[in-house]
Amino acid sequence: MAIEERLRTFIQNNFLLGDKNRAIKEDESFLQSGIIDSTGVLELVNFIEETYKIKVEDEELIPENLDSIKNLIAYIQRKSAKTA
């Protein structure tokens, strides 16, 4: 499963309660649009670490890495390349 599809499925199921009618734009801010709150960020980080076998460092917990589908894909690809 592609990174984007896996992320969308996780967010849809865990934060939008499976609402298939709610489309998330690639660059839509999770925090600004109310999709994810601060507790949700921790849930998302846990999912990323377990799924992609990468460690999200404290200094990486910033919107530029985690606040949209687009940012998440780029972050996961960067981190995965470093550990490969």
PDB file of N, CA and C in Angstrom:
ATOM      1  N   MET A   1       0.856  -1.184   0.000  1.00  0.00           N
ATOM      2  CA  MET A   1       0.000   0.000   0.000  1.00  0.00           C
ATOM      3  C   MET A   1       0.897   1.241   0.000  1.00  0.00           C
ATOM      4  N   ALA A   2       0.586   2.192  -0.842  1.00  0.00           N
ATOM      5  CA  ALA A   2       1.363   3.425  -0.949  1.00  0.00           C
ATOM      6  C   ALA A   2       1.246   4.244   0.341  1.00  0.00           C
ATOM      7  N   ILE A   3       2.255   5.059   0.581  1.00  0.00           N
ATOM      8  CA  ILE A   3       2.275   5.878   1.796  1.00  0.00           C
ATOM      9  C   ILE A   3       1.015   6.730   1.902  1.00  0.00           C
ATOM     10  N   GLU A   4       0.667   7.428   0.828  1.00  0.00           N
ATOM     11  CA  GLU A   4      -0.486   8.325   0.882  1.00  0.00           C
ATOM     12  C   GLU A   4      -1.771   7.560   1.207  1.00  0.00           C
ATOM     13  N   GLU A   5      -1.978   6.443   0.561  1.00  0.00           N
ATOM     14  CA  GLU A   5      -3.190   5.660   0.796  1.00  0.00           C
ATOM     15  C   GLU A   5      -3.252   5.150   2.234  1.00  0.00           C
ATOM     16  N   ARG A   6      -2.127   4.686   2.741  1.00  0.00           N
ATOM     17  CA  ARG A   6      -2.076   4.180   4.118  1.00  0.00           C
ATOM     18  C   ARG A   6      -2.362   5.300   5.121  1.00  0.00           C
ATOM     19  N   LEU A   7      -1.775   6.482   4.893  1.00  0.00           N
ATOM     20  CA  LEU A   7      -2.016   7.620   5.786  1.00  0.00           C
ATOM     21  C   LEU A   7      -3.478   8.052   5.741  1.00  0.00           C
ATOM     22  N   ARG A   8      -4.021   8.163   4.536  1.00  0.00           N
ATOM     23  CA  ARG A   8      -5.428   8.574   4.399  1.00  0.00           C
ATOM     24  C   ARG A   8      -6.356   7.587   5.106  1.00  0.00           C
ATOM     25  N   THR A   9      -6.105   6.309   4.944  1.00  0.00           N
ATOM     26  CA  THR A   9      -6.934   5.284   5.587  1.00  0.00           C
ATOM     27  C   THR A   9      -6.862   5.413   7.106  1.00  0.00           C
ATOM     28  N   PHE A  10      -5.646   5.590   7.645  1.00  0.00           N
ATOM     29  CA  PHE A  10      -5.479   5.735   9.090  1.00  0.00           C
ATOM     30  C   PHE A  10      -6.218   6.970   9.599  1.00  0.00           C
ATOM     31  N   ILE A  11      -6.035   8.096   8.937  1.00  0.00           N
ATOM     32  CA  ILE A  11      -6.675   9.340   9.379  1.00  0.00           C
ATOM     33  C   ILE A  11      -8.191   9.227   9.264  1.00  0.00           C
ATOM     34  N   GLN A  12      -8.653   8.672   8.168  1.00  0.00           N
ATOM     35  CA  GLN A  12     -10.096   8.496   7.952  1.00  0.00           C
ATOM     36  C   GLN A  12     -10.707   7.638   9.067  1.00  0.00           C
ATOM     37  N   ASN A  13     -10.068   6.534   9.377  1.00  0.00           N
ATOM     38  CA  ASN A  13     -10.609   5.595  10.361  1.00  0.00           C
ATOM     39  C   ASN A  13     -10.471   6.071  11.795  1.00  0.00           C
ATOM     40  N   ASN A  14      -9.383   6.773  12.107  1.00  0.00           N
ATOM     41  CA  ASN A  14      -9.106   7.127  13.495  1.00  0.00           C
ATOM     42  C   ASN A  14      -9.541   8.525  13.906  1.00  0.00           C
ATOM     43  N   PHE A  15      -9.563   9.451  12.966  1.00  0.00           N
ATOM     44  CA  PHE A  15      -9.892  10.832  13.323  1.00  0.00           C
ATOM     45  C   PHE A  15     -11.202  11.314  12.719  1.00  0.00           C
ATOM     46  N   LEU A  16     -11.595  10.731  11.611  1.00  0.00           N
ATOM     47  CA  LEU A  16     -12.853  11.126  10.973  1.00  0.00           C
ATOM     48  C   LEU A  16     -13.911  10.043  11.145  1.00  0.00           C
ATOM     49  N   LEU A  17     -13.600   9.059  11.979  1.00  0.00           N
ATOM     50  CA  LEU A  17     -14.524   7.978  12.320  1.00  0.00           C
ATOM     51  C   LEU A  17     -15.110   7.297  11.087  1.00  0.00           C
ATOM     52  N   GLY A  18     -14.259   7.111  10.086  1.00  0.00           N
ATOM     53  CA  GLY A  18     -14.669   6.400   8.884  1.00  0.00           C
ATOM     54  C   GLY A  18     -15.550   7.188   7.937  1.00  0.00           C
ATOM     55  N   ASP A  19     -15.679   8.500   8.154  1.00  0.00           N
ATOM     56  CA  ASP A  19     -16.524   9.328   7.290  1.00  0.00           C
ATOM     57  C   ASP A  19     -15.916   9.424   5.887  1.00  0.00           C
ATOM     58  N   LYS A  20     -16.424   8.631   4.977  1.00  0.00           N
ATOM     59  CA  LYS A  20     -15.900   8.575   3.604  1.00  0.00           C
ATOM     60  C   LYS A  20     -16.257   9.823   2.805  1.00  0.00           C
ATOM     61  N   ASN A  21     -17.208  10.609   3.276  1.00  0.00           N
ATOM     62  CA  ASN A  21     -17.621  11.821   2.576  1.00  0.00           C
ATOM     63  C   ASN A  21     -16.677  12.998   2.833  1.00  0.00           C
ATOM     64  N   ARG A  22     -15.839  12.873   3.831  1.00  0.00           N
ATOM     65  CA  ARG A  22     -14.910  13.949   4.203  1.00  0.00           C
ATOM     66  C   ARG A  22     -13.586  13.740   3.478  1.00  0.00           C
ATOM     67  N   ALA A  23     -13.385  14.449   2.398  1.00  0.00           N
ATOM     68  CA  ALA A  23     -12.144  14.349   1.635  1.00  0.00           C
ATOM     69  C   ALA A  23     -11.096  15.280   2.257  1.00  0.00           C
ATOM     70  N   ILE A  24      -9.899  14.786   2.363  1.00  0.00           N
ATOM     71  CA  ILE A  24      -8.802  15.583   2.914  1.00  0.00           C
ATOM     72  C   ILE A  24      -7.900  15.997   1.757  1.00  0.00           C
ATOM     73  N   LYS A  25      -7.714  17.296   1.609  1.00  0.00           N
ATOM     74  CA  LYS A  25      -6.801  17.783   0.572  1.00  0.00           C
ATOM     75  C   LYS A  25      -5.372  17.468   0.986  1.00  0.00           C
ATOM     76  N   GLU A  26      -4.528  17.291  -0.002  1.00  0.00           N
ATOM     77  CA  GLU A  26      -3.138  16.906   0.249  1.00  0.00           C
ATOM     78  C   GLU A  26      -2.401  17.896   1.146  1.00  0.00           C
ATOM     79  N   ASP A  27      -2.693  19.181   1.007  1.00  0.00           N
ATOM     80  CA  ASP A  27      -1.987  20.194   1.787  1.00  0.00           C
ATOM     81  C   ASP A  27      -2.843  20.820   2.895  1.00  0.00           C
ATOM     82  N   GLU A  28      -3.965  20.193   3.213  1.00  0.00           N
ATOM     83  CA  GLU A  28      -4.862  20.690   4.266  1.00  0.00           C
ATOM     84  C   GLU A  28      -4.240  20.466   5.650  1.00  0.00           C
ATOM     85  N   SER A  29      -4.206  21.511   6.457  1.00  0.00           N
ATOM     86  CA  SER A  29      -3.646  21.427   7.801  1.00  0.00           C
ATOM     87  C   SER A  29      -4.577  20.620   8.702  1.00  0.00           C
ATOM     88  N   PHE A  30      -4.047  19.570   9.303  1.00  0.00           N
ATOM     89  CA  PHE A  30      -4.843  18.742  10.220  1.00  0.00           C
ATOM     90  C   PHE A  30      -5.279  19.557  11.439  1.00  0.00           C
ATOM     91  N   LEU A  31      -4.383  20.371  11.958  1.00  0.00           N
ATOM     92  CA  LEU A  31      -4.684  21.139  13.169  1.00  0.00           C
ATOM     93  C   LEU A  31      -5.658  22.279  12.886  1.00  0.00           C
ATOM     94  N   GLN A  32      -5.407  23.048  11.847  1.00  0.00           N
ATOM     95  CA  GLN A  32      -6.273  24.193  11.537  1.00  0.00           C
ATOM     96  C   GLN A  32      -7.679  23.764  11.146  1.00  0.00           C
ATOM     97  N   SER A  33      -7.800  22.622  10.486  1.00  0.00           N
ATOM     98  CA  SER A  33      -9.129  22.166  10.058  1.00  0.00           C
ATOM     99  C   SER A  33      -9.830  21.331  11.125  1.00  0.00           C
ATOM    100  N   GLY A  34      -9.144  21.089  12.247  1.00  0.00           N
ATOM    101  CA  GLY A  34      -9.758  20.354  13.346  1.00  0.00           C
ATOM    102  C   GLY A  34      -9.802  18.846  13.160  1.00  0.00           C
ATOM    103  N   ILE A  35      -9.051  18.333  12.207  1.00  0.00           N
ATOM    104  CA  ILE A  35      -9.025  16.886  11.991  1.00  0.00           C
ATOM    105  C   ILE A  35      -8.307  16.196  13.143  1.00  0.00           C
ATOM    106  N   ILE A  36      -7.187  16.783  13.552  1.00  0.00           N
ATOM    107  CA  ILE A  36      -6.363  16.202  14.618  1.00  0.00           C
ATOM    108  C   ILE A  36      -6.078  17.272  15.657  1.00  0.00           C
ATOM    109  N   ASP A  37      -6.139  16.870  16.934  1.00  0.00           N
ATOM    110  CA  ASP A  37      -5.757  17.768  18.013  1.00  0.00           C
ATOM    111  C   ASP A  37      -4.390  17.324  18.548  1.00  0.00           C
ATOM    112  N   SER A  38      -3.942  17.918  19.631  1.00  0.00           N
ATOM    113  CA  SER A  38      -2.604  17.604  20.142  1.00  0.00           C
ATOM    114  C   SER A  38      -2.476  16.141  20.567  1.00  0.00           C
ATOM    115  N   THR A  39      -3.519  15.569  21.105  1.00  0.00           N
ATOM    116  CA  THR A  39      -3.502  14.150  21.468  1.00  0.00           C
ATOM    117  C   THR A  39      -3.452  13.289  20.212  1.00  0.00           C
ATOM    118  N   GLY A  40      -4.162  13.714  19.192  1.00  0.00           N
ATOM    119  CA  GLY A  40      -4.165  13.008  17.929  1.00  0.00           C
ATOM    120  C   GLY A  40      -2.793  12.977  17.275  1.00  0.00           C
ATOM    121  N   VAL A  41      -2.022  14.047  17.466  1.00  0.00           N
ATOM    122  CA  VAL A  41      -0.666  14.082  16.919  1.00  0.00           C
ATOM    123  C   VAL A  41       0.149  12.927  17.503  1.00  0.00           C
ATOM    124  N   LEU A  42      -0.003  12.682  18.787  1.00  0.00           N
ATOM    125  CA  LEU A  42       0.730  11.578  19.422  1.00  0.00           C
ATOM    126  C   LEU A  42       0.296  10.232  18.850  1.00  0.00           C
ATOM    127  N   GLU A  43      -0.980  10.082  18.596  1.00  0.00           N
ATOM    128  CA  GLU A  43      -1.510   8.870  17.973  1.00  0.00           C
ATOM    129  C   GLU A  43      -0.929   8.699  16.567  1.00  0.00           C
ATOM    130  N   LEU A  44      -0.878   9.784  15.833  1.00  0.00           N
ATOM    131  CA  LEU A  44      -0.332   9.774  14.483  1.00  0.00           C
ATOM    132  C   LEU A  44       1.153   9.402  14.505  1.00  0.00           C
ATOM    133  N   VAL A  45       1.905   9.982  15.421  1.00  0.00           N
ATOM    134  CA  VAL A  45       3.329   9.681  15.552  1.00  0.00           C
ATOM    135  C   VAL A  45       3.531   8.202  15.863  1.00  0.00           C
ATOM    136  N   ASN A  46       2.739   7.670  16.764  1.00  0.00           N
ATOM    137  CA  ASN A  46       2.833   6.251  17.111  1.00  0.00           C
ATOM    138  C   ASN A  46       2.585   5.384  15.874  1.00  0.00           C
ATOM    139  N   PHE A  47       1.571   5.730  15.095  1.00  0.00           N
ATOM    140  CA  PHE A  47       1.264   5.000  13.866  1.00  0.00           C
ATOM    141  C   PHE A  47       2.441   5.049  12.894  1.00  0.00           C
ATOM    142  N   ILE A  48       3.014   6.228  12.699  1.00  0.00           N
ATOM    143  CA  ILE A  48       4.145   6.393  11.774  1.00  0.00           C
ATOM    144  C   ILE A  48       5.340   5.557  12.240  1.00  0.00           C
ATOM    145  N   GLU A  49       5.650   5.631  13.524  1.00  0.00           N
ATOM    146  CA  GLU A  49       6.796   4.886  14.043  1.00  0.00           C
ATOM    147  C   GLU A  49       6.612   3.381  13.877  1.00  0.00           C
ATOM    148  N   GLU A  50       5.443   2.889  14.186  1.00  0.00           N
ATOM    149  CA  GLU A  50       5.190   1.445  14.073  1.00  0.00           C
ATOM    150  C   GLU A  50       5.109   0.986  12.625  1.00  0.00           C
ATOM    151  N   THR A  51       4.446   1.756  11.791  1.00  0.00           N
ATOM    152  CA  THR A  51       4.215   1.360  10.401  1.00  0.00           C
ATOM    153  C   THR A  51       5.482   1.458   9.558  1.00  0.00           C
ATOM    154  N   TYR A  52       6.234   2.523   9.737  1.00  0.00           N
ATOM    155  CA  TYR A  52       7.391   2.774   8.872  1.00  0.00           C
ATOM    156  C   TYR A  52       8.725   2.511   9.559  1.00  0.00           C
ATOM    157  N   LYS A  53       8.677   2.041  10.800  1.00  0.00           N
ATOM    158  CA  LYS A  53       9.893   1.677  11.543  1.00  0.00           C
ATOM    159  C   LYS A  53      10.906   2.820  11.578  1.00  0.00           C
ATOM    160  N   ILE A  54      10.388   4.019  11.857  1.00  0.00           N
ATOM    161  CA  ILE A  54      11.242   5.184  12.012  1.00  0.00           C
ATOM    162  C   ILE A  54      10.976   5.802  13.374  1.00  0.00           C
ATOM    163  N   LYS A  55      11.944   6.529  13.901  1.00  0.00           N
ATOM    164  CA  LYS A  55      11.793   7.203  15.180  1.00  0.00           C
ATOM    165  C   LYS A  55      11.565   8.685  14.930  1.00  0.00           C
ATOM    166  N   VAL A  56      10.443   9.196  15.406  1.00  0.00           N
ATOM    167  CA  VAL A  56      10.142  10.625  15.297  1.00  0.00           C
ATOM    168  C   VAL A  56      10.744  11.295  16.527  1.00  0.00           C
ATOM    169  N   GLU A  57      11.757  12.102  16.301  1.00  0.00           N
ATOM    170  CA  GLU A  57      12.445  12.783  17.402  1.00  0.00           C
ATOM    171  C   GLU A  57      11.610  13.977  17.869  1.00  0.00           C
ATOM    172  N   ASP A  58      11.815  14.373  19.127  1.00  0.00           N
ATOM    173  CA  ASP A  58      11.051  15.491  19.697  1.00  0.00           C
ATOM    174  C   ASP A  58      11.149  16.754  18.840  1.00  0.00           C
ATOM    175  N   GLU A  59      12.349  17.057  18.340  1.00  0.00           N
ATOM    176  CA  GLU A  59      12.538  18.277  17.554  1.00  0.00           C
ATOM    177  C   GLU A  59      11.882  18.179  16.171  1.00  0.00           C
ATOM    178  N   GLU A  60      11.422  16.991  15.792  1.00  0.00           N
ATOM    179  CA  GLU A  60      10.745  16.794  14.516  1.00  0.00           C
ATOM    180  C   GLU A  60       9.222  16.911  14.629  1.00  0.00           C
ATOM    181  N   LEU A  61       8.731  17.124  15.831  1.00  0.00           N
ATOM    182  CA  LEU A  61       7.285  17.268  16.075  1.00  0.00           C
ATOM    183  C   LEU A  61       6.840  18.686  15.738  1.00  0.00           C
ATOM    184  N   ILE A  62       6.925  19.014  14.466  1.00  0.00           N
ATOM    185  CA  ILE A  62       6.589  20.350  13.989  1.00  0.00           C
ATOM    186  C   ILE A  62       5.619  20.232  12.811  1.00  0.00           C
ATOM    187  N   PRO A  63       4.807  21.269  12.580  1.00  0.00           N
ATOM    188  CA  PRO A  63       3.839  21.222  11.479  1.00  0.00           C
ATOM    189  C   PRO A  63       4.468  20.936  10.116  1.00  0.00           C
ATOM    190  N   GLU A  64       5.676  21.425   9.895  1.00  0.00           N
ATOM    191  CA  GLU A  64       6.340  21.211   8.607  1.00  0.00           C
ATOM    192  C   GLU A  64       6.523  19.716   8.309  1.00  0.00           C
ATOM    193  N   ASN A  65       6.494  18.885   9.331  1.00  0.00           N
ATOM    194  CA  ASN A  65       6.644  17.438   9.151  1.00  0.00           C
ATOM    195  C   ASN A  65       5.327  16.679   9.243  1.00  0.00           C
ATOM    196  N   LEU A  66       4.415  17.147  10.084  1.00  0.00           N
ATOM    197  CA  LEU A  66       3.291  16.296  10.476  1.00  0.00           C
ATOM    198  C   LEU A  66       1.890  16.872  10.249  1.00  0.00           C
ATOM    199  N   ASP A  67       1.760  18.053   9.676  1.00  0.00           N
ATOM    200  CA  ASP A  67       0.458  18.719   9.687  1.00  0.00           C
ATOM    201  C   ASP A  67      -0.348  18.626   8.388  1.00  0.00           C
ATOM    202  N   SER A  68       0.027  17.749   7.490  1.00  0.00           N
ATOM    203  CA  SER A  68      -0.776  17.521   6.280  1.00  0.00           C
ATOM    204  C   SER A  68      -0.322  16.208   5.649  1.00  0.00           C
ATOM    205  N   ILE A  69      -1.125  15.703   4.751  1.00  0.00           N
ATOM    206  CA  ILE A  69      -0.748  14.485   4.018  1.00  0.00           C
ATOM    207  C   ILE A  69       0.564  14.734   3.276  1.00  0.00           C
ATOM    208  N   LYS A  70       0.643  15.860   2.586  1.00  0.00           N
ATOM    209  CA  LYS A  70       1.830  16.209   1.802  1.00  0.00           C
ATOM    210  C   LYS A  70       3.079  16.254   2.686  1.00  0.00           C
ATOM    211  N   ASN A  71       2.988  16.932   3.832  1.00  0.00           N
ATOM    212  CA  ASN A  71       4.128  17.039   4.744  1.00  0.00           C
ATOM    213  C   ASN A  71       4.516  15.677   5.311  1.00  0.00           C
ATOM    214  N   LEU A  72       3.529  14.873   5.641  1.00  0.00           N
ATOM    215  CA  LEU A  72       3.809  13.539   6.187  1.00  0.00           C
ATOM    216  C   LEU A  72       4.539  12.656   5.178  1.00  0.00           C
ATOM    217  N   ILE A  73       4.079  12.676   3.939  1.00  0.00           N
ATOM    218  CA  ILE A  73       4.723  11.851   2.913  1.00  0.00           C
ATOM    219  C   ILE A  73       6.187  12.257   2.758  1.00  0.00           C
ATOM    220  N   ALA A  74       6.441  13.554   2.643  1.00  0.00           N
ATOM    221  CA  ALA A  74       7.818  14.039   2.489  1.00  0.00           C
ATOM    222  C   ALA A  74       8.664  13.661   3.702  1.00  0.00           C
ATOM    223  N   TYR A  75       8.116  13.814   4.892  1.00  0.00           N
ATOM    224  CA  TYR A  75       8.838  13.484   6.122  1.00  0.00           C
ATOM    225  C   TYR A  75       9.175  11.992   6.171  1.00  0.00           C
ATOM    226  N   ILE A  76       8.200  11.147   5.914  1.00  0.00           N
ATOM    227  CA  ILE A  76       8.419   9.700   5.960  1.00  0.00           C
ATOM    228  C   ILE A  76       9.460   9.288   4.919  1.00  0.00           C
ATOM    229  N   GLN A  77       9.397   9.859   3.741  1.00  0.00           N
ATOM    230  CA  GLN A  77      10.377   9.538   2.698  1.00  0.00           C
ATOM    231  C   GLN A  77      11.786   9.976   3.108  1.00  0.00           C
ATOM    232  N   ARG A  78      11.915  11.150   3.697  1.00  0.00           N
ATOM    233  CA  ARG A  78      13.241  11.622   4.168  1.00  0.00           C
ATOM    234  C   ARG A  78      13.788  10.701   5.246  1.00  0.00           C
ATOM    235  N   LYS A  79      12.947  10.404   6.237  1.00  0.00           N
ATOM    236  CA  LYS A  79      13.387   9.565   7.354  1.00  0.00           C
ATOM    237  C   LYS A  79      13.725   8.158   6.886  1.00  0.00           C
ATOM    238  N   SER A  80      12.931   7.622   5.995  1.00  0.00           N
ATOM    239  CA  SER A  80      13.169   6.269   5.493  1.00  0.00           C
ATOM    240  C   SER A  80      14.474   6.200   4.699  1.00  0.00           C
ATOM    241  N   ALA A  81      14.776   7.240   3.950  1.00  0.00           N
ATOM    242  CA  ALA A  81      16.013   7.283   3.166  1.00  0.00           C
ATOM    243  C   ALA A  81      17.239   7.308   4.075  1.00  0.00           C
ATOM    244  N   LYS A  82      17.116   7.983   5.229  1.00  0.00           N
ATOM    245  CA  LYS A  82      18.231   8.067   6.175  1.00  0.00           C
ATOM    246  C   LYS A  82      18.515   6.729   6.850  1.00  0.00           C
ATOM    247  N   THR A  83      17.475   5.943   7.066  1.00  0.00           N
ATOM    248  CA  THR A  83      17.642   4.659   7.767  1.00  0.00           C
ATOM    249  C   THR A  83      17.914   3.505   6.807  1.00  0.00           C
ATOM    250  N   ALA A  84      17.812   3.765   5.521  1.00  0.00           N
ATOM    251  CA  ALA A  84      18.028   2.687   4.532  1.00  0.00           C
ATOM    252  C   ALA A  84      19.499   2.423   4.315  1.00  0.00           C
TER     253      ALA A  84
END
